[in-house]
Amino acid sequence: MKSSVRNNQFKFLLADLDTALTFIDIANTTGNEEMRQRNSQNARCAYDTVLQLMQRIPLDDVQKKEIRKKLTLLRTRLEAVGQWF
């Protein structure tokens, strides 16, 4: 696979994780319970999606480390809002 395609896939995963972290920020700051739950669920969906896609995308060790770092942060924040793993 061309390195530019792999790099774009890697950037997509990072963008998805950044979006999920934004959902968690919104969930933590809203006073609306429905919005909190919806944004928490959206973040969890992104977490699960990135985990699945990581299995299919050939990433180098540096890329895997960066993705795992964000996944760990996201998981910690998801657990803080009541998500179970």
PDB file of N, CA and C in Angstrom:
ATOM      1  N   MET A   1       0.845  -1.171   0.000  1.00  0.00           N
ATOM      2  CA  MET A   1       0.000   0.000   0.000  1.00  0.00           C
ATOM      3  C   MET A   1       0.892   1.236   0.000  1.00  0.00           C
ATOM      4  N   LYS A   2       0.518   2.228  -0.779  1.00  0.00           N
ATOM      5  CA  LYS A   2       1.305   3.447  -0.842  1.00  0.00           C
ATOM      6  C   LYS A   2       1.343   4.133   0.516  1.00  0.00           C
ATOM      7  N   SER A   3       2.487   4.737   0.800  1.00  0.00           N
ATOM      8  CA  SER A   3       2.640   5.389   2.100  1.00  0.00           C
ATOM      9  C   SER A   3       1.689   6.578   2.247  1.00  0.00           C
ATOM     10  N   SER A   4       1.358   7.252   1.139  1.00  0.00           N
ATOM     11  CA  SER A   4       0.436   8.390   1.239  1.00  0.00           C
ATOM     12  C   SER A   4      -0.967   7.929   1.627  1.00  0.00           C
ATOM     13  N   VAL A   5      -1.384   6.781   1.120  1.00  0.00           N
ATOM     14  CA  VAL A   5      -2.694   6.234   1.485  1.00  0.00           C
ATOM     15  C   VAL A   5      -2.676   5.840   2.953  1.00  0.00           C
ATOM     16  N   ARG A   6      -1.630   5.155   3.368  1.00  0.00           N
ATOM     17  CA  ARG A   6      -1.521   4.748   4.771  1.00  0.00           C
ATOM     18  C   ARG A   6      -1.493   5.966   5.683  1.00  0.00           C
ATOM     19  N   ASN A   7      -0.767   7.002   5.276  1.00  0.00           N
ATOM     20  CA  ASN A   7      -0.698   8.219   6.082  1.00  0.00           C
ATOM     21  C   ASN A   7      -2.068   8.895   6.182  1.00  0.00           C
ATOM     22  N   ASN A   8      -2.824   8.905   5.093  1.00  0.00           N
ATOM     23  CA  ASN A   8      -4.172   9.471   5.124  1.00  0.00           C
ATOM     24  C   ASN A   8      -5.086   8.660   6.044  1.00  0.00           C
ATOM     25  N   GLN A   9      -4.950   7.351   6.027  1.00  0.00           N
ATOM     26  CA  GLN A   9      -5.749   6.502   6.909  1.00  0.00           C
ATOM     27  C   GLN A   9      -5.400   6.778   8.373  1.00  0.00           C
ATOM     28  N   PHE A  10      -4.125   6.932   8.631  1.00  0.00           N
ATOM     29  CA  PHE A  10      -3.654   7.257   9.972  1.00  0.00           C
ATOM     30  C   PHE A  10      -4.241   8.599  10.425  1.00  0.00           C
ATOM     31  N   LYS A  11      -4.194   9.600   9.561  1.00  0.00           N
ATOM     32  CA  LYS A  11      -4.747  10.913   9.883  1.00  0.00           C
ATOM     33  C   LYS A  11      -6.248  10.831  10.139  1.00  0.00           C
ATOM     34  N   PHE A  12      -6.942   9.973   9.395  1.00  0.00           N
ATOM     35  CA  PHE A  12      -8.370   9.776   9.617  1.00  0.00           C
ATOM     36  C   PHE A  12      -8.628   9.229  11.009  1.00  0.00           C
ATOM     37  N   LEU A  13      -7.845   8.244  11.424  1.00  0.00           N
ATOM     38  CA  LEU A  13      -8.012   7.674  12.764  1.00  0.00           C
ATOM     39  C   LEU A  13      -7.765   8.733  13.838  1.00  0.00           C
ATOM     40  N   LEU A  14      -6.738   9.541  13.657  1.00  0.00           N
ATOM     41  CA  LEU A  14      -6.455  10.610  14.622  1.00  0.00           C
ATOM     42  C   LEU A  14      -7.599  11.619  14.673  1.00  0.00           C
ATOM     43  N   ALA A  15      -8.120  11.975  13.514  1.00  0.00           N
ATOM     44  CA  ALA A  15      -9.238  12.925  13.460  1.00  0.00           C
ATOM     45  C   ALA A  15     -10.465  12.354  14.157  1.00  0.00           C
ATOM     46  N   ASP A  16     -10.715  11.067  13.965  1.00  0.00           N
ATOM     47  CA  ASP A  16     -11.845  10.416  14.614  1.00  0.00           C
ATOM     48  C   ASP A  16     -11.671  10.440  16.136  1.00  0.00           C
ATOM     49  N   LEU A  17     -10.467  10.181  16.600  1.00  0.00           N
ATOM     50  CA  LEU A  17     -10.202  10.223  18.041  1.00  0.00           C
ATOM     51  C   LEU A  17     -10.314  11.643  18.596  1.00  0.00           C
ATOM     52  N   ASP A  18      -9.832  12.617  17.852  1.00  0.00           N
ATOM     53  CA  ASP A  18      -9.957  14.006  18.296  1.00  0.00           C
ATOM     54  C   ASP A  18     -11.427  14.419  18.382  1.00  0.00           C
ATOM     55  N   THR A  19     -12.222  13.967  17.423  1.00  0.00           N
ATOM     56  CA  THR A  19     -13.656  14.250  17.449  1.00  0.00           C
ATOM     57  C   THR A  19     -14.304  13.593  18.662  1.00  0.00           C
ATOM     58  N   ALA A  20     -13.924  12.367  18.949  1.00  0.00           N
ATOM     59  CA  ALA A  20     -14.462  11.657  20.110  1.00  0.00           C
ATOM     60  C   ALA A  20     -14.107  12.387  21.404  1.00  0.00           C
ATOM     61  N   LEU A  21     -12.887  12.883  21.490  1.00  0.00           N
ATOM     62  CA  LEU A  21     -12.487  13.636  22.679  1.00  0.00           C
ATOM     63  C   LEU A  21     -13.294  14.933  22.803  1.00  0.00           C
ATOM     64  N   THR A  22     -13.641  15.531  21.684  1.00  0.00           N
ATOM     65  CA  THR A  22     -14.504  16.715  21.708  1.00  0.00           C
ATOM     66  C   THR A  22     -15.896  16.347  22.206  1.00  0.00           C
ATOM     67  N   PHE A  23     -16.413  15.200  21.768  1.00  0.00           N
ATOM     68  CA  PHE A  23     -17.708  14.741  22.270  1.00  0.00           C
ATOM     69  C   PHE A  23     -17.675  14.586  23.794  1.00  0.00           C
ATOM     70  N   ILE A  24     -16.584  14.045  24.308  1.00  0.00           N
ATOM     71  CA  ILE A  24     -16.461  13.867  25.757  1.00  0.00           C
ATOM     72  C   ILE A  24     -16.389  15.233  26.456  1.00  0.00           C
ATOM     73  N   ASP A  25     -15.682  16.184  25.856  1.00  0.00           N
ATOM     74  CA  ASP A  25     -15.646  17.536  26.427  1.00  0.00           C
ATOM     75  C   ASP A  25     -17.053  18.102  26.532  1.00  0.00           C
ATOM     76  N   ILE A  26     -17.835  17.945  25.482  1.00  0.00           N
ATOM     77  CA  ILE A  26     -19.212  18.439  25.478  1.00  0.00           C
ATOM     78  C   ILE A  26     -20.035  17.709  26.534  1.00  0.00           C
ATOM     79  N   ALA A  27     -19.876  16.398  26.599  1.00  0.00           N
ATOM     80  CA  ALA A  27     -20.623  15.608  27.580  1.00  0.00           C
ATOM     81  C   ALA A  27     -20.317  16.067  29.004  1.00  0.00           C
ATOM     82  N   ASN A  28     -19.074  16.420  29.253  1.00  0.00           N
ATOM     83  CA  ASN A  28     -18.663  16.825  30.603  1.00  0.00           C
ATOM     84  C   ASN A  28     -19.089  18.241  30.968  1.00  0.00           C
ATOM     85  N   THR A  29     -19.415  19.055  29.990  1.00  0.00           N
ATOM     86  CA  THR A  29     -19.722  20.452  30.290  1.00  0.00           C
ATOM     87  C   THR A  29     -21.199  20.800  30.127  1.00  0.00           C
ATOM     88  N   THR A  30     -21.978  19.919  29.562  1.00  0.00           N
ATOM     89  CA  THR A  30     -23.387  20.227  29.359  1.00  0.00           C
ATOM     90  C   THR A  30     -24.192  19.953  30.627  1.00  0.00           C
ATOM     91  N   GLY A  31     -25.213  20.722  30.813  1.00  0.00           N
ATOM     92  CA  GLY A  31     -26.124  20.482  31.919  1.00  0.00           C
ATOM     93  C   GLY A  31     -27.312  19.640  31.499  1.00  0.00           C
ATOM     94  N   ASN A  32     -27.346  19.283  30.229  1.00  0.00           N
ATOM     95  CA  ASN A  32     -28.460  18.526  29.664  1.00  0.00           C
ATOM     96  C   ASN A  32     -28.106  17.037  29.663  1.00  0.00           C
ATOM     97  N   GLU A  33     -28.849  16.250  30.426  1.00  0.00           N
ATOM     98  CA  GLU A  33     -28.548  14.820  30.562  1.00  0.00           C
ATOM     99  C   GLU A  33     -28.651  14.076  29.235  1.00  0.00           C
ATOM    100  N   GLU A  34     -29.649  14.395  28.441  1.00  0.00           N
ATOM    101  CA  GLU A  34     -29.799  13.730  27.139  1.00  0.00           C
ATOM    102  C   GLU A  34     -28.594  14.015  26.243  1.00  0.00           C
ATOM    103  N   MET A  35     -28.158  15.257  26.234  1.00  0.00           N
ATOM    104  CA  MET A  35     -26.994  15.633  25.425  1.00  0.00           C
ATOM    105  C   MET A  35     -25.732  14.950  25.963  1.00  0.00           C
ATOM    106  N   ARG A  36     -25.616  14.853  27.278  1.00  0.00           N
ATOM    107  CA  ARG A  36     -24.456  14.189  27.878  1.00  0.00           C
ATOM    108  C   ARG A  36     -24.385  12.736  27.441  1.00  0.00           C
ATOM    109  N   GLN A  37     -25.509  12.053  27.531  1.00  0.00           N
ATOM    110  CA  GLN A  37     -25.541  10.644  27.144  1.00  0.00           C
ATOM    111  C   GLN A  37     -25.275  10.463  25.649  1.00  0.00           C
ATOM    112  N   ARG A  38     -25.881  11.302  24.827  1.00  0.00           N
ATOM    113  CA  ARG A  38     -25.697  11.193  23.380  1.00  0.00           C
ATOM    114  C   ARG A  38     -24.228  11.405  22.993  1.00  0.00           C
ATOM    115  N   ASN A  39     -23.610  12.427  23.570  1.00  0.00           N
ATOM    116  CA  ASN A  39     -22.213  12.696  23.239  1.00  0.00           C
ATOM    117  C   ASN A  39     -21.278  11.638  23.784  1.00  0.00           C
ATOM    118  N   SER A  40     -21.589  11.100  24.947  1.00  0.00           N
ATOM    119  CA  SER A  40     -20.796   9.993  25.481  1.00  0.00           C
ATOM    120  C   SER A  40     -20.891   8.777  24.565  1.00  0.00           C
ATOM    121  N   GLN A  41     -22.088   8.492  24.089  1.00  0.00           N
ATOM    122  CA  GLN A  41     -22.290   7.355  23.189  1.00  0.00           C
ATOM    123  C   GLN A  41     -21.583   7.578  21.854  1.00  0.00           C
ATOM    124  N   ASN A  42     -21.618   8.801  21.335  1.00  0.00           N
ATOM    125  CA  ASN A  42     -20.906   9.109  20.092  1.00  0.00           C
ATOM    126  C   ASN A  42     -19.403   8.890  20.256  1.00  0.00           C
ATOM    127  N   ALA A  43     -18.877   9.298  21.400  1.00  0.00           N
ATOM    128  CA  ALA A  43     -17.444   9.091  21.670  1.00  0.00           C
ATOM    129  C   ALA A  43     -17.129   7.610  21.760  1.00  0.00           C
ATOM    130  N   ARG A  44     -18.000   6.836  22.390  1.00  0.00           N
ATOM    131  CA  ARG A  44     -17.778   5.390  22.504  1.00  0.00           C
ATOM    132  C   ARG A  44     -17.812   4.725  21.131  1.00  0.00           C
ATOM    133  N   CYS A  45     -18.730   5.166  20.292  1.00  0.00           N
ATOM    134  CA  CYS A  45     -18.817   4.617  18.934  1.00  0.00           C
ATOM    135  C   CYS A  45     -17.514   4.878  18.171  1.00  0.00           C
ATOM    136  N   ALA A  46     -16.986   6.074  18.312  1.00  0.00           N
ATOM    137  CA  ALA A  46     -15.716   6.407  17.647  1.00  0.00           C
ATOM    138  C   ALA A  46     -14.584   5.545  18.194  1.00  0.00           C
ATOM    139  N   TYR A  47     -14.561   5.343  19.503  1.00  0.00           N
ATOM    140  CA  TYR A  47     -13.541   4.490  20.125  1.00  0.00           C
ATOM    141  C   TYR A  47     -13.585   3.086  19.523  1.00  0.00           C
ATOM    142  N   ASP A  48     -14.768   2.512  19.491  1.00  0.00           N
ATOM    143  CA  ASP A  48     -14.927   1.154  18.953  1.00  0.00           C
ATOM    144  C   ASP A  48     -14.546   1.084  17.472  1.00  0.00           C
ATOM    145  N   THR A  49     -14.919   2.116  16.722  1.00  0.00           N
ATOM    146  CA  THR A  49     -14.610   2.152  15.293  1.00  0.00           C
ATOM    147  C   THR A  49     -13.105   2.201  15.055  1.00  0.00           C
ATOM    148  N   VAL A  50     -12.411   3.034  15.795  1.00  0.00           N
ATOM    149  CA  VAL A  50     -10.957   3.136  15.638  1.00  0.00           C
ATOM    150  C   VAL A  50     -10.295   1.806  15.988  1.00  0.00           C
ATOM    151  N   LEU A  51     -10.749   1.160  17.042  1.00  0.00           N
ATOM    152  CA  LEU A  51     -10.191  -0.156  17.392  1.00  0.00           C
ATOM    153  C   LEU A  51     -10.349  -1.150  16.242  1.00  0.00           C
ATOM    154  N   GLN A  52     -11.509  -1.164  15.619  1.00  0.00           N
ATOM    155  CA  GLN A  52     -11.754  -2.084  14.504  1.00  0.00           C
ATOM    156  C   GLN A  52     -10.898  -1.730  13.294  1.00  0.00           C
ATOM    157  N   LEU A  53     -10.841  -0.452  12.973  1.00  0.00           N
ATOM    158  CA  LEU A  53     -10.087  -0.037  11.791  1.00  0.00           C
ATOM    159  C   LEU A  53      -8.589  -0.240  11.959  1.00  0.00           C
ATOM    160  N   MET A  54      -8.098  -0.129  13.177  1.00  0.00           N
ATOM    161  CA  MET A  54      -6.665  -0.355  13.419  1.00  0.00           C
ATOM    162  C   MET A  54      -6.232  -1.747  12.986  1.00  0.00           C
ATOM    163  N   GLN A  55      -7.145  -2.704  13.059  1.00  0.00           N
ATOM    164  CA  GLN A  55      -6.830  -4.081  12.676  1.00  0.00           C
ATOM    165  C   GLN A  55      -6.656  -4.225  11.169  1.00  0.00           C
ATOM    166  N   ARG A  56      -7.256  -3.316  10.416  1.00  0.00           N
ATOM    167  CA  ARG A  56      -7.249  -3.416   8.948  1.00  0.00           C
ATOM    168  C   ARG A  56      -6.258  -2.481   8.265  1.00  0.00           C
ATOM    169  N   ILE A  57      -5.797  -1.488   8.986  1.00  0.00           N
ATOM    170  CA  ILE A  57      -4.912  -0.489   8.396  1.00  0.00           C
ATOM    171  C   ILE A  57      -3.475  -0.793   8.801  1.00  0.00           C
ATOM    172  N   PRO A  58      -2.594  -0.936   7.828  1.00  0.00           N
ATOM    173  CA  PRO A  58      -1.183  -1.208   8.150  1.00  0.00           C
ATOM    174  C   PRO A  58      -0.490   0.059   8.660  1.00  0.00           C
ATOM    175  N   LEU A  59      -0.314   0.134   9.953  1.00  0.00           N
ATOM    176  CA  LEU A  59       0.333   1.282  10.574  1.00  0.00           C
ATOM    177  C   LEU A  59       1.734   0.902  11.028  1.00  0.00           C
ATOM    178  N   ASP A  60       2.635   1.879  10.989  1.00  0.00           N
ATOM    179  CA  ASP A  60       3.970   1.590  11.515  1.00  0.00           C
ATOM    180  C   ASP A  60       3.943   1.737  13.041  1.00  0.00           C
ATOM    181  N   ASP A  61       5.029   1.406  13.689  1.00  0.00           N
ATOM    182  CA  ASP A  61       5.073   1.393  15.157  1.00  0.00           C
ATOM    183  C   ASP A  61       4.823   2.768  15.770  1.00  0.00           C
ATOM    184  N   VAL A  62       5.345   3.805  15.155  1.00  0.00           N
ATOM    185  CA  VAL A  62       5.160   5.164  15.667  1.00  0.00           C
ATOM    186  C   VAL A  62       3.684   5.559  15.580  1.00  0.00           C
ATOM    187  N   GLN A  63       3.059   5.232  14.455  1.00  0.00           N
ATOM    188  CA  GLN A  63       1.641   5.546  14.281  1.00  0.00           C
ATOM    189  C   GLN A  63       0.780   4.766  15.278  1.00  0.00           C
ATOM    190  N   LYS A  64       1.085   3.485  15.453  1.00  0.00           N
ATOM    191  CA  LYS A  64       0.339   2.666  16.415  1.00  0.00           C
ATOM    192  C   LYS A  64       0.458   3.244  17.817  1.00  0.00           C
ATOM    193  N   LYS A  65       1.649   3.683  18.173  1.00  0.00           N
ATOM    194  CA  LYS A  65       1.871   4.244  19.512  1.00  0.00           C
ATOM    195  C   LYS A  65       1.032   5.499  19.706  1.00  0.00           C
ATOM    196  N   GLU A  66       0.985   6.357  18.702  1.00  0.00           N
ATOM    197  CA  GLU A  66       0.212   7.591  18.812  1.00  0.00           C
ATOM    198  C   GLU A  66      -1.290   7.310  18.913  1.00  0.00           C
ATOM    199  N   ILE A  67      -1.769   6.353  18.122  1.00  0.00           N
ATOM    200  CA  ILE A  67      -3.184   5.972  18.171  1.00  0.00           C
ATOM    201  C   ILE A  67      -3.508   5.366  19.538  1.00  0.00           C
ATOM    202  N   ARG A  68      -2.672   4.472  20.020  1.00  0.00           N
ATOM    203  CA  ARG A  68      -2.916   3.837  21.319  1.00  0.00           C
ATOM    204  C   ARG A  68      -2.920   4.853  22.464  1.00  0.00           C
ATOM    205  N   LYS A  69      -2.061   5.853  22.369  1.00  0.00           N
ATOM    206  CA  LYS A  69      -2.011   6.899  23.395  1.00  0.00           C
ATOM    207  C   LYS A  69      -3.358   7.623  23.465  1.00  0.00           C
ATOM    208  N   LYS A  70      -3.899   7.986  22.302  1.00  0.00           N
ATOM    209  CA  LYS A  70      -5.191   8.679  22.280  1.00  0.00           C
ATOM    210  C   LYS A  70      -6.326   7.742  22.682  1.00  0.00           C
ATOM    211  N   LEU A  71      -6.239   6.481  22.275  1.00  0.00           N
ATOM    212  CA  LEU A  71      -7.262   5.518  22.683  1.00  0.00           C
ATOM    213  C   LEU A  71      -7.286   5.357  24.202  1.00  0.00           C
ATOM    214  N   THR A  72      -6.121   5.320  24.820  1.00  0.00           N
ATOM    215  CA  THR A  72      -6.036   5.197  26.271  1.00  0.00           C
ATOM    216  C   THR A  72      -6.654   6.409  26.951  1.00  0.00           C
ATOM    217  N   LEU A  73      -6.337   7.594  26.461  1.00  0.00           N
ATOM    218  CA  LEU A  73      -6.921   8.817  27.009  1.00  0.00           C
ATOM    219  C   LEU A  73      -8.438   8.794  26.855  1.00  0.00           C
ATOM    220  N   LEU A  74      -8.908   8.430  25.664  1.00  0.00           N
ATOM    221  CA  LEU A  74     -10.347   8.387  25.413  1.00  0.00           C
ATOM    222  C   LEU A  74     -11.031   7.358  26.301  1.00  0.00           C
ATOM    223  N   ARG A  75     -10.426   6.198  26.441  1.00  0.00           N
ATOM    224  CA  ARG A  75     -11.023   5.158  27.286  1.00  0.00           C
ATOM    225  C   ARG A  75     -11.135   5.631  28.738  1.00  0.00           C
ATOM    226  N   THR A  76     -10.096   6.253  29.242  1.00  0.00           N
ATOM    227  CA  THR A  76     -10.115   6.776  30.604  1.00  0.00           C
ATOM    228  C   THR A  76     -11.249   7.783  30.777  1.00  0.00           C
ATOM    229  N   ARG A  77     -11.394   8.652  29.808  1.00  0.00           N
ATOM    230  CA  ARG A  77     -12.444   9.672  29.882  1.00  0.00           C
ATOM    231  C   ARG A  77     -13.830   9.055  29.714  1.00  0.00           C
ATOM    232  N   LEU A  78     -13.942   8.021  28.892  1.00  0.00           N
ATOM    233  CA  LEU A  78     -15.222   7.322  28.735  1.00  0.00           C
ATOM    234  C   LEU A  78     -15.610   6.616  30.028  1.00  0.00           C
ATOM    235  N   GLU A  79     -14.649   5.986  30.663  1.00  0.00           N
ATOM    236  CA  GLU A  79     -14.921   5.319  31.940  1.00  0.00           C
ATOM    237  C   GLU A  79     -15.382   6.331  32.993  1.00  0.00           C
ATOM    238  N   ALA A  80     -14.824   7.541  32.944  1.00  0.00           N
ATOM    239  CA  ALA A  80     -15.192   8.585  33.897  1.00  0.00           C
ATOM    240  C   ALA A  80     -16.640   9.046  33.746  1.00  0.00           C
ATOM    241  N   VAL A  81     -17.199   8.856  32.533  1.00  0.00           N
ATOM    242  CA  VAL A  81     -18.597   9.241  32.326  1.00  0.00           C
ATOM    243  C   VAL A  81     -19.526   8.014  32.382  1.00  0.00           C
ATOM    244  N   GLY A  82     -18.982   6.879  32.829  1.00  0.00           N
ATOM    245  CA  GLY A  82     -19.823   5.719  33.077  1.00  0.00           C
ATOM    246  C   GLY A  82     -19.850   4.640  32.009  1.00  0.00           C
ATOM    247  N   GLN A  83     -19.001   4.742  31.004  1.00  0.00           N
ATOM    248  CA  GLN A  83     -18.948   3.692  29.977  1.00  0.00           C
ATOM    249  C   GLN A  83     -18.210   2.478  30.535  1.00  0.00           C
ATOM    250  N   TRP A  84     -18.716   1.305  30.213  1.00  0.00           N
ATOM    251  CA  TRP A  84     -18.101   0.036  30.644  1.00  0.00           C
ATOM    252  C   TRP A  84     -17.387  -0.615  29.487  1.00  0.00           C
ATOM    253  N   PHE A  85     -16.266  -1.256  29.790  1.00  0.00           N
ATOM    254  CA  PHE A  85     -15.483  -1.951  28.761  1.00  0.00           C
ATOM    255  C   PHE A  85     -15.318  -3.409  29.134  1.00  0.00           C
TER     256      PHE A  85
END
